[in-house]
């Protein structure tokens, strides 16, 4: 049986990683094909969750 829950990292998996830390929606850039892949997972009945370790939160950048 295929897993029903898929947990993905954000930076470098769904979107382009940035050494400057992504601080706004305008700075966020999806990796080519990532949105389509998320759509295929959803269409296949998978629940998708995004997990991310955002060090900028602890540093007060957000």
Protein backbone atom coordinates (compact mmCIF):
# COMPACT_ATOMS: atom_id res chain seq x y z
CA UNK A 1 0.00 0.00 0.00
CA UNK A 2 1.34 3.44 -0.91
CA UNK A 3 1.73 5.98 1.90
CA UNK A 4 -1.21 8.35 2.32
CA UNK A 5 0.84 11.10 3.97
CA UNK A 6 3.86 12.61 2.23
CA UNK A 7 6.01 15.04 4.25
CA UNK A 8 8.37 17.21 2.21
CA UNK A 9 11.04 19.70 3.15
CA UNK A 10 10.48 23.16 1.70
CA UNK A 11 13.81 24.79 0.77
CA UNK A 12 15.55 22.97 -2.06
CA UNK A 13 12.69 20.48 -2.53
CA UNK A 14 9.65 22.61 -3.35
CA UNK A 15 11.28 26.00 -3.77
CA UNK A 16 14.70 27.43 -4.57
CA UNK A 17 16.92 27.63 -1.52
CA UNK A 18 18.38 31.02 -0.63
CA UNK A 19 21.48 31.86 1.41
CA UNK A 20 19.77 35.17 2.25
CA UNK A 21 16.73 33.47 3.86
CA UNK A 22 13.30 33.90 2.28
CA UNK A 23 11.56 36.69 4.21
CA UNK A 24 8.51 37.41 2.05
CA UNK A 25 6.21 35.68 -0.45
CA UNK A 26 7.76 37.81 -3.22
CA UNK A 27 11.16 36.16 -2.59
CA UNK A 28 9.74 32.62 -2.83
CA UNK A 29 10.40 30.80 -6.15
CA UNK A 30 9.04 27.32 -6.88
CA UNK A 31 11.47 24.79 -8.34
CA UNK A 32 10.56 23.74 -11.89
CA UNK A 33 7.99 20.95 -11.77
CA UNK A 34 7.45 21.09 -8.02
CA UNK A 35 3.92 22.52 -8.15
CA UNK A 36 2.92 19.95 -10.76
CA UNK A 37 4.36 17.16 -8.59
CA UNK A 38 2.35 18.39 -5.59
CA UNK A 39 -0.76 18.39 -7.78
CA UNK A 40 -0.08 14.80 -8.88
CA UNK A 41 0.35 13.69 -5.27
CA UNK A 42 -2.95 15.35 -4.36
CA UNK A 43 -4.71 13.81 -7.37
CA UNK A 44 -3.40 10.40 -6.27
CA UNK A 45 -5.14 10.85 -2.92
CA UNK A 46 -2.04 11.70 -0.91
CA UNK A 47 -2.05 14.25 1.90
CA UNK A 48 0.98 16.51 1.54
CA UNK A 49 2.59 18.28 4.49
CA UNK A 50 5.57 20.63 4.40
CA UNK A 51 8.14 20.56 7.19
CA UNK A 52 10.87 23.15 7.38
CA UNK A 53 13.54 24.22 9.81
CA UNK A 54 13.44 28.02 9.53
CA UNK A 55 16.40 29.41 11.47
CA UNK A 56 15.29 32.94 10.57
CA UNK A 57 12.37 32.61 12.98
CA UNK A 58 14.73 32.07 15.90
CA UNK A 59 16.92 34.94 14.73
CA UNK A 60 13.97 37.33 14.60
CA UNK A 61 14.07 37.80 10.81
CA UNK A 62 10.35 37.02 10.46
